[in-house]
Amino acid sequence: MNTDKIYAEQLANEYTPKDTSKVVALRKLDAKAKLPATIFAYTFGIITTLIAGVGMCLSMNVIGNGSGASFIFGIIIGIIGFIGISVNFPIYKKLLKKGKRKYAFEIVQLAKEISEKDM
């Protein structure tokens, strides 16, 4: 066993550009399929959490004038925020499924090419 040869091949693989590699292309396609759902989930989650927080602040008289109308308005806003928070994950799953369906053919074809190449 020639360890120098193994080391040289390993080092050469490290410096070989991997941008044209099919594995890198597969990873990019996978990320492209998942990115819209992830961006939506984070954005919608942050916005609805802030809405729920504003509602809680209004209902606890942290902000607002402390009237009964402010309390009721705060509860309504808080409930809207919590509803948004609770539907975030199902919407994320639906968007993720749509993105995966959109790129499924390309990803499967590329994965088959990679797996056949290794055999």
Protein backbone atom coordinates (compact mmCIF):
# COMPACT_ATOMS: atom_id res chain seq x y z
CA MET A 1 0.00 0.00 0.00
CA ASN A 2 1.52 3.24 -1.12
CA THR A 3 0.49 5.87 1.43
CA ASP A 4 2.24 8.65 -0.47
CA LYS A 5 0.05 7.99 -3.49
CA ILE A 6 -3.12 7.98 -1.36
CA TYR A 7 -2.08 11.21 0.31
CA ALA A 8 -1.30 12.84 -3.04
CA GLU A 9 -4.71 11.84 -4.46
CA GLN A 10 -6.47 13.11 -1.37
CA LEU A 11 -4.62 16.42 -1.54
CA ALA A 12 -5.34 16.75 -5.27
CA ASN A 13 -9.06 16.15 -4.60
CA GLU A 14 -8.99 18.94 -2.04
CA TYR A 15 -7.78 21.46 -4.60
CA THR A 16 -9.92 20.26 -7.49
CA PRO A 17 -12.74 22.73 -8.22
CA LYS A 18 -16.03 21.25 -7.10
CA ASP A 19 -18.37 23.81 -8.68
CA THR A 20 -18.97 21.56 -11.69
CA SER A 21 -19.47 18.46 -9.59
CA LYS A 22 -22.84 16.76 -9.84
CA VAL A 23 -22.99 16.43 -6.06
CA VAL A 24 -22.64 20.19 -5.67
CA ALA A 25 -25.33 20.69 -8.31
CA LEU A 26 -27.56 18.26 -6.42
CA ARG A 27 -27.05 20.17 -3.18
CA LYS A 28 -27.83 23.46 -4.92
CA LEU A 29 -31.03 22.04 -6.38
CA ASP A 30 -32.04 20.72 -2.97
CA ALA A 31 -31.44 24.12 -1.40
CA LYS A 32 -33.31 25.82 -4.25
CA ALA A 33 -36.31 23.58 -3.61
CA LYS A 34 -36.35 24.30 0.15
CA LEU A 35 -35.37 27.98 0.27
CA PRO A 36 -38.74 29.65 -0.51
CA ALA A 37 -40.53 27.65 2.18
CA THR A 38 -37.83 28.41 4.73
CA ILE A 39 -37.81 32.14 3.98
CA PHE A 40 -41.60 32.28 4.21
CA ALA A 41 -41.68 30.35 7.49
CA TYR A 42 -39.13 32.61 9.19
CA THR A 43 -40.66 35.83 7.89
CA PHE A 44 -44.26 34.88 8.63
CA GLY A 45 -43.27 33.47 12.03
CA ILE A 46 -41.44 36.64 13.07
CA ILE A 47 -44.27 38.90 11.90
CA THR A 48 -47.02 36.89 13.61
CA THR A 49 -44.98 36.64 16.80
CA LEU A 50 -44.58 40.41 16.85
CA ILE A 51 -48.33 40.82 16.26
CA ALA A 52 -49.06 38.47 19.18
CA GLY A 53 -46.61 40.41 21.35
CA VAL A 54 -48.24 43.74 20.52
CA GLY A 55 -51.61 42.24 21.41
CA MET A 56 -50.29 40.98 24.73
CA CYS A 57 -48.72 44.36 25.50
CA LEU A 58 -52.01 46.12 24.74
CA SER A 59 -54.01 43.72 26.90
CA MET A 60 -51.57 44.06 29.83
CA ASN A 61 -51.50 47.86 29.58
CA VAL A 62 -47.79 47.99 28.78
CA ILE A 63 -48.64 50.11 25.75
CA GLY A 64 -51.84 52.02 25.10
CA ASN A 65 -53.96 54.12 27.39
CA GLY A 66 -55.12 51.31 29.69
CA SER A 67 -58.81 51.54 28.80
CA GLY A 68 -61.18 48.63 28.41
CA ALA A 69 -61.22 49.12 24.64
CA SER A 70 -57.44 48.84 24.57
CA PHE A 71 -57.67 45.60 26.56
CA ILE A 72 -60.25 44.07 24.18
CA PHE A 73 -58.34 45.31 21.12
CA GLY A 74 -55.16 43.76 22.56
CA ILE A 75 -56.86 40.40 23.06
CA ILE A 76 -58.16 40.43 19.48
CA ILE A 77 -54.74 41.34 18.06
CA GLY A 78 -53.10 38.69 20.25
CA ILE A 79 -55.50 36.00 19.05
CA ILE A 80 -54.83 36.96 15.42
CA GLY A 81 -51.09 36.66 16.12
CA PHE A 82 -51.46 33.27 17.78
CA ILE A 83 -53.58 31.99 14.90
CA GLY A 84 -50.83 33.10 12.52
CA ILE A 85 -48.23 31.32 14.61
CA SER A 86 -50.28 28.12 14.69
CA VAL A 87 -50.77 27.98 10.90
CA ASN A 88 -47.13 28.76 10.11
CA PHE A 89 -45.89 25.16 10.19
CA PRO A 90 -48.69 23.66 8.05
CA ILE A 91 -48.13 26.41 5.47
CA TYR A 92 -44.38 25.70 5.59
CA LYS A 93 -44.96 21.99 4.97
CA LYS A 94 -47.26 22.76 2.02
CA LEU A 95 -44.75 25.16 0.46
CA LEU A 96 -41.91 22.68 1.03
CA LYS A 97 -43.91 19.93 -0.66
CA LYS A 98 -44.61 22.25 -3.60
CA GLY A 99 -40.92 23.14 -3.93
CA LYS A 100 -39.86 19.51 -3.76
CA ARG A 101 -42.44 18.57 -6.38
CA LYS A 102 -41.19 21.35 -8.65
CA TYR A 103 -37.56 20.14 -8.61
CA ALA A 104 -38.19 16.42 -8.03
CA PHE A 105 -37.51 15.27 -11.58
CA GLU A 106 -34.19 17.12 -11.87
CA ILE A 107 -33.03 15.98 -8.43
CA VAL A 108 -33.95 12.33 -9.05
CA GLN A 109 -32.24 12.34 -12.46
CA LEU A 110 -29.07 13.87 -11.04
CA ALA A 111 -29.09 11.48 -8.08
CA LYS A 112 -29.43 8.51 -10.45
CA GLU A 113 -26.50 9.76 -12.52
CA ILE A 114 -24.36 10.11 -9.39
CA SER A 115 -25.31 6.70 -8.01
CA GLU A 116 -24.73 4.96 -11.35
CA LYS A 117 -21.37 6.70 -11.73
CA ASP A 118 -20.17 5.34 -8.36
CA MET A 119 -21.02 1.74 -9.23
